[in-house]
Amino acid sequence: MSVRPLTVIDTGYRKITKAVTDFDQAKDKKLKARAKDAIKPALKDYINDLVIFMSRNEIVDDPFGVIYCDNFKHDFMIYDATFALYDLREENEDMKTAIDNIMCHAVETGKMNQWAIKYRKGAYAVITNKTVVLVVDGVKTAMQWTKDTFNGIVAWIMEKFSQMFSSKKAEPVPA
């Protein structure tokens, strides 16, 4: 029996909606805290499933906008969803690449304002709809990109980082 991606995503969205409703309707602090604690794993499960389906091209976009933090009723949900994305990126290289590609596409299409890609300790890139800023050991290098570059923006950024780090190694060490 095959899993129908939209059924899984719809079920995940209903879990988020139920947790938010429980949070909104909770009268005492204990129930409200318990309901709030249920929102984060629901967001993470939804995002995990969505990224897997999107990376396999079984789903083209997020039908509910959760991955883009659209229409969230509470601000803490934005942080929970963002941290869920970054937590999932740390699980394995395939998940990291899939999320970075999805979120960079979201920046390109205007669904997100920016996304940050971690390269290694002390090095990361911040992507906006017009520029990529590479940060290595606190030094910022701004670069322009074009629509044709954007198609492979994550690979392009990784190539730029590789060039920067290989040129650092090639520099002579002062005596």
C-alpha atoms as a PDB file:
ATOM      1  CA  MET A   1       0.000   0.000   0.000  1.00  0.00           C
ATOM      2  CA  SER A   2       1.475   3.327  -1.023  1.00  0.00           C
ATOM      3  CA  VAL A   3       1.299   6.461   1.047  1.00  0.00           C
ATOM      4  CA  ARG A   4      -0.563   9.352  -0.515  1.00  0.00           C
ATOM      5  CA  PRO A   5       1.505  12.474   0.165  1.00  0.00           C
ATOM      6  CA  LEU A   6      -1.396  14.917   0.301  1.00  0.00           C
ATOM      7  CA  THR A   7      -3.253  12.666   2.755  1.00  0.00           C
ATOM      8  CA  VAL A   8      -0.205  12.608   5.047  1.00  0.00           C
ATOM      9  CA  ILE A   9       0.228  16.392   4.755  1.00  0.00           C
ATOM     10  CA  ASP A  10      -3.477  17.015   5.383  1.00  0.00           C
ATOM     11  CA  THR A  11      -3.386  14.791   8.488  1.00  0.00           C
ATOM     12  CA  GLY A  12      -0.311  16.653   9.745  1.00  0.00           C
ATOM     13  CA  TYR A  13      -1.993  19.997   9.201  1.00  0.00           C
ATOM     14  CA  ARG A  14      -5.051  18.831  11.146  1.00  0.00           C
ATOM     15  CA  LYS A  15      -2.759  17.876  14.061  1.00  0.00           C
ATOM     16  CA  ILE A  16      -1.300  21.395  14.050  1.00  0.00           C
ATOM     17  CA  THR A  17      -4.765  22.941  13.869  1.00  0.00           C
ATOM     18  CA  LYS A  18      -6.030  20.782  16.753  1.00  0.00           C
ATOM     19  CA  ALA A  19      -3.010  21.683  18.922  1.00  0.00           C
ATOM     20  CA  VAL A  20      -3.539  25.407  18.218  1.00  0.00           C
ATOM     21  CA  THR A  21      -7.265  25.115  18.970  1.00  0.00           C
ATOM     22  CA  ASP A  22      -6.492  23.312  22.239  1.00  0.00           C
ATOM     23  CA  PHE A  23      -4.028  26.079  23.118  1.00  0.00           C
ATOM     24  CA  ASP A  24      -6.560  28.815  22.341  1.00  0.00           C
ATOM     25  CA  GLN A  25      -9.327  27.148  24.340  1.00  0.00           C
ATOM     26  CA  ALA A  26      -7.252  26.159  27.370  1.00  0.00           C
ATOM     27  CA  LYS A  27      -8.424  27.962  30.493  1.00  0.00           C
ATOM     28  CA  ASP A  28      -5.729  27.208  33.052  1.00  0.00           C
ATOM     29  CA  LYS A  29      -1.959  27.579  32.739  1.00  0.00           C
ATOM     30  CA  LYS A  30      -1.203  23.832  32.907  1.00  0.00           C
ATOM     31  CA  LEU A  31      -3.532  22.971  30.032  1.00  0.00           C
ATOM     32  CA  LYS A  32      -2.287  25.925  28.012  1.00  0.00           C
ATOM     33  CA  ALA A  33       1.355  24.866  28.552  1.00  0.00           C
ATOM     34  CA  ARG A  34       0.561  21.257  27.609  1.00  0.00           C
ATOM     35  CA  ALA A  35      -1.267  22.408  24.464  1.00  0.00           C
ATOM     36  CA  LYS A  36       1.604  24.723  23.541  1.00  0.00           C
ATOM     37  CA  ASP A  37       4.058  21.838  23.985  1.00  0.00           C
ATOM     38  CA  ALA A  38       2.005  19.801  21.495  1.00  0.00           C
ATOM     39  CA  ILE A  39       2.316  22.421  18.750  1.00  0.00           C
ATOM     40  CA  LYS A  40       6.090  22.134  18.240  1.00  0.00           C
ATOM     41  CA  PRO A  41       6.207  18.363  17.524  1.00  0.00           C
ATOM     42  CA  ALA A  42       3.150  18.710  15.269  1.00  0.00           C
ATOM     43  CA  LEU A  43       4.972  21.416  13.283  1.00  0.00           C
ATOM     44  CA  LYS A  44       8.164  19.354  13.141  1.00  0.00           C
ATOM     45  CA  ASP A  45       6.344  16.197  11.972  1.00  0.00           C
ATOM     46  CA  TYR A  46       4.487  18.156   9.297  1.00  0.00           C
ATOM     47  CA  ILE A  47       7.646  19.869   8.056  1.00  0.00           C
ATOM     48  CA  ASN A  48       9.594  16.592   8.079  1.00  0.00           C
ATOM     49  CA  ASP A  49       6.962  14.836   5.968  1.00  0.00           C
ATOM     50  CA  LEU A  50       6.620  17.813   3.648  1.00  0.00           C
ATOM     51  CA  VAL A  51      10.376  18.089   3.029  1.00  0.00           C
ATOM     52  CA  ILE A  52      10.610  14.367   2.273  1.00  0.00           C
ATOM     53  CA  PHE A  53       7.732  14.559  -0.219  1.00  0.00           C
ATOM     54  CA  MET A  54       9.035  17.774  -1.803  1.00  0.00           C
ATOM     55  CA  SER A  55      12.572  16.391  -2.151  1.00  0.00           C
ATOM     56  CA  ARG A  56      11.102  13.367  -3.990  1.00  0.00           C
ATOM     57  CA  ASN A  57       9.002  15.713  -6.180  1.00  0.00           C
ATOM     58  CA  GLU A  58       5.823  14.055  -4.906  1.00  0.00           C
ATOM     59  CA  ILE A  59       4.568  17.470  -3.783  1.00  0.00           C
ATOM     60  CA  VAL A  60       5.577  20.672  -5.526  1.00  0.00           C
ATOM     61  CA  ASP A  61       4.756  23.159  -2.775  1.00  0.00           C
ATOM     62  CA  ASP A  62       3.373  23.408   0.742  1.00  0.00           C
ATOM     63  CA  PRO A  63      -0.421  23.495   0.327  1.00  0.00           C
ATOM     64  CA  PHE A  64      -0.922  25.082   3.755  1.00  0.00           C
ATOM     65  CA  GLY A  65       2.098  27.416   3.835  1.00  0.00           C
ATOM     66  CA  VAL A  66       3.382  26.010   7.132  1.00  0.00           C
ATOM     67  CA  ILE A  67       6.999  25.756   5.961  1.00  0.00           C
ATOM     68  CA  TYR A  68       6.834  29.473   5.068  1.00  0.00           C
ATOM     69  CA  CYS A  69       5.185  30.377   8.420  1.00  0.00           C
ATOM     70  CA  ASP A  70       2.099  31.672   6.619  1.00  0.00           C
ATOM     71  CA  ASN A  71      -1.002  32.544   8.607  1.00  0.00           C
ATOM     72  CA  PHE A  72       0.352  31.531  12.007  1.00  0.00           C
ATOM     73  CA  LYS A  73      -1.966  32.606  14.769  1.00  0.00           C
ATOM     74  CA  HIS A  74       0.775  32.933  17.410  1.00  0.00           C
ATOM     75  CA  ASP A  75       4.297  34.357  17.089  1.00  0.00           C
ATOM     76  CA  PHE A  76       5.875  31.468  18.999  1.00  0.00           C
ATOM     77  CA  MET A  77       4.785  29.181  16.150  1.00  0.00           C
ATOM     78  CA  ILE A  78       7.124  31.029  13.770  1.00  0.00           C
ATOM     79  CA  TYR A  79      10.053  30.279  16.064  1.00  0.00           C
ATOM     80  CA  ASP A  80       8.926  26.677  16.566  1.00  0.00           C
ATOM     81  CA  ALA A  81       8.641  26.099  12.807  1.00  0.00           C
ATOM     82  CA  THR A  82      11.973  27.784  12.082  1.00  0.00           C
ATOM     83  CA  PHE A  83      13.769  25.803  14.776  1.00  0.00           C
ATOM     84  CA  ALA A  84      12.103  22.626  13.485  1.00  0.00           C
ATOM     85  CA  LEU A  85      13.580  23.358  10.048  1.00  0.00           C
ATOM     86  CA  TYR A  86      17.041  23.938  11.487  1.00  0.00           C
ATOM     87  CA  ASP A  87      16.762  20.821  13.706  1.00  0.00           C
ATOM     88  CA  LEU A  88      15.789  18.711  10.702  1.00  0.00           C
ATOM     89  CA  ARG A  89      18.725  20.151   8.727  1.00  0.00           C
ATOM     90  CA  GLU A  90      21.072  18.705  11.339  1.00  0.00           C
ATOM     91  CA  GLU A  91      19.700  15.152  10.987  1.00  0.00           C
ATOM     92  CA  ASN A  92      21.516  14.276   7.771  1.00  0.00           C
ATOM     93  CA  GLU A  93      23.076  15.787   4.672  1.00  0.00           C
ATOM     94  CA  ASP A  94      20.170  14.838   2.386  1.00  0.00           C
ATOM     95  CA  MET A  95      17.655  16.579   4.658  1.00  0.00           C
ATOM     96  CA  LYS A  96      19.926  19.648   4.906  1.00  0.00           C
ATOM     97  CA  THR A  97      20.274  19.909   1.128  1.00  0.00           C
ATOM     98  CA  ALA A  98      16.543  19.372   0.547  1.00  0.00           C
ATOM     99  CA  ILE A  99      15.540  22.040   3.078  1.00  0.00           C
ATOM    100  CA  ASP A 100      18.110  24.529   1.777  1.00  0.00           C
ATOM    101  CA  ASN A 101      16.901  24.020  -1.793  1.00  0.00           C
ATOM    102  CA  ILE A 102      13.235  24.354  -0.801  1.00  0.00           C
ATOM    103  CA  MET A 103      13.819  27.473   1.277  1.00  0.00           C
ATOM    104  CA  CYS A 104      16.049  29.118  -1.327  1.00  0.00           C
ATOM    105  CA  HIS A 105      13.295  28.502  -3.871  1.00  0.00           C
ATOM    106  CA  ALA A 106      10.881  30.131  -1.401  1.00  0.00           C
ATOM    107  CA  VAL A 107      13.167  33.191  -1.280  1.00  0.00           C
ATOM    108  CA  GLU A 108      13.326  33.280  -5.071  1.00  0.00           C
ATOM    109  CA  THR A 109       9.542  33.147  -5.407  1.00  0.00           C
ATOM    110  CA  GLY A 110       8.966  35.723  -2.665  1.00  0.00           C
ATOM    111  CA  LYS A 111       7.420  33.346  -0.108  1.00  0.00           C
ATOM    112  CA  MET A 112      10.296  34.053   2.291  1.00  0.00           C
ATOM    113  CA  ASN A 113      12.420  37.180   2.729  1.00  0.00           C
ATOM    114  CA  GLN A 114      15.671  35.386   3.471  1.00  0.00           C
ATOM    115  CA  TRP A 115      17.247  32.071   4.392  1.00  0.00           C
ATOM    116  CA  ALA A 116      20.585  31.265   5.994  1.00  0.00           C
ATOM    117  CA  ILE A 117      22.733  28.299   4.966  1.00  0.00           C
ATOM    118  CA  LYS A 118      25.381  27.076   7.386  1.00  0.00           C
ATOM    119  CA  TYR A 119      28.552  25.897   5.662  1.00  0.00           C
ATOM    120  CA  ARG A 120      30.776  25.046   8.598  1.00  0.00           C
ATOM    121  CA  LYS A 121      31.688  26.603  11.923  1.00  0.00           C
ATOM    122  CA  GLY A 122      32.185  30.312  11.388  1.00  0.00           C
ATOM    123  CA  ALA A 123      30.857  30.270   7.818  1.00  0.00           C
ATOM    124  CA  TYR A 124      27.334  30.767   6.542  1.00  0.00           C
ATOM    125  CA  ALA A 125      25.412  32.452   3.739  1.00  0.00           C
ATOM    126  CA  VAL A 126      22.349  34.671   3.919  1.00  0.00           C
ATOM    127  CA  ILE A 127      20.220  34.605   0.787  1.00  0.00           C
ATOM    128  CA  THR A 128      17.745  37.349  -0.090  1.00  0.00           C
ATOM    129  CA  ASN A 129      15.884  37.877  -3.350  1.00  0.00           C
ATOM    130  CA  LYS A 130      18.761  39.906  -4.788  1.00  0.00           C
ATOM    131  CA  THR A 131      21.968  39.037  -2.974  1.00  0.00           C
ATOM    132  CA  VAL A 132      23.920  36.318  -1.295  1.00  0.00           C
ATOM    133  CA  VAL A 133      26.114  37.402   1.598  1.00  0.00           C
ATOM    134  CA  LEU A 134      28.831  34.910   2.468  1.00  0.00           C
ATOM    135  CA  VAL A 135      30.155  35.277   5.997  1.00  0.00           C
ATOM    136  CA  VAL A 136      33.454  33.601   6.858  1.00  0.00           C
ATOM    137  CA  ASP A 137      34.983  34.286  10.265  1.00  0.00           C
ATOM    138  CA  GLY A 138      32.950  37.494  10.564  1.00  0.00           C
ATOM    139  CA  VAL A 139      34.032  38.849   7.158  1.00  0.00           C
ATOM    140  CA  LYS A 140      31.071  39.521   4.856  1.00  0.00           C
ATOM    141  CA  THR A 141      31.256  39.179   1.077  1.00  0.00           C
ATOM    142  CA  ALA A 142      28.155  40.282  -0.817  1.00  0.00           C
ATOM    143  CA  MET A 143      27.465  38.779  -4.233  1.00  0.00           C
ATOM    144  CA  GLN A 144      24.734  39.308  -6.779  1.00  0.00           C
ATOM    145  CA  TRP A 145      22.946  36.393  -8.351  1.00  0.00           C
ATOM    146  CA  THR A 146      20.813  36.100 -11.431  1.00  0.00           C
ATOM    147  CA  LYS A 147      17.742  33.986 -12.075  1.00  0.00           C
ATOM    148  CA  ASP A 148      19.771  31.412 -14.015  1.00  0.00           C
ATOM    149  CA  THR A 149      22.261  31.155 -11.135  1.00  0.00           C
ATOM    150  CA  PHE A 150      19.424  30.751  -8.657  1.00  0.00           C
ATOM    151  CA  ASN A 151      18.368  27.414 -10.091  1.00  0.00           C
ATOM    152  CA  GLY A 152      21.374  25.845  -8.427  1.00  0.00           C
ATOM    153  CA  ILE A 153      21.944  28.469  -5.735  1.00  0.00           C
ATOM    154  CA  VAL A 154      22.835  26.017  -2.962  1.00  0.00           C
ATOM    155  CA  ALA A 155      25.474  24.301  -5.117  1.00  0.00           C
ATOM    156  CA  TRP A 156      26.719  27.720  -6.272  1.00  0.00           C
ATOM    157  CA  ILE A 157      27.080  28.903  -2.659  1.00  0.00           C
ATOM    158  CA  MET A 158      28.919  25.724  -1.655  1.00  0.00           C
ATOM    159  CA  GLU A 159      31.264  26.210  -4.610  1.00  0.00           C
ATOM    160  CA  LYS A 160      31.981  29.805  -3.522  1.00  0.00           C
ATOM    161  CA  PHE A 161      32.678  28.637   0.036  1.00  0.00           C
ATOM    162  CA  SER A 162      35.022  25.930  -1.268  1.00  0.00           C
ATOM    163  CA  GLN A 163      36.883  28.520  -3.330  1.00  0.00           C
ATOM    164  CA  MET A 164      37.164  30.856  -0.344  1.00  0.00           C
ATOM    165  CA  PHE A 165      38.462  28.141   1.955  1.00  0.00           C
ATOM    166  CA  SER A 166      40.890  26.714  -0.596  1.00  0.00           C
ATOM    167  CA  SER A 167      42.325  30.189  -1.265  1.00  0.00           C
ATOM    168  CA  LYS A 168      42.740  30.687   2.511  1.00  0.00           C
ATOM    169  CA  LYS A 169      44.840  27.519   2.658  1.00  0.00           C
ATOM    170  CA  ALA A 170      46.948  28.686  -0.262  1.00  0.00           C
ATOM    171  CA  GLU A 171      47.897  31.974   1.422  1.00  0.00           C
ATOM    172  CA  PRO A 172      51.390  31.989   2.903  1.00  0.00           C
ATOM    173  CA  VAL A 173      51.566  31.987   6.665  1.00  0.00           C
ATOM    174  CA  PRO A 174      53.390  35.074   8.034  1.00  0.00           C
ATOM    175  CA  ALA A 175      56.677  34.355   9.781  1.00  0.00           C
END
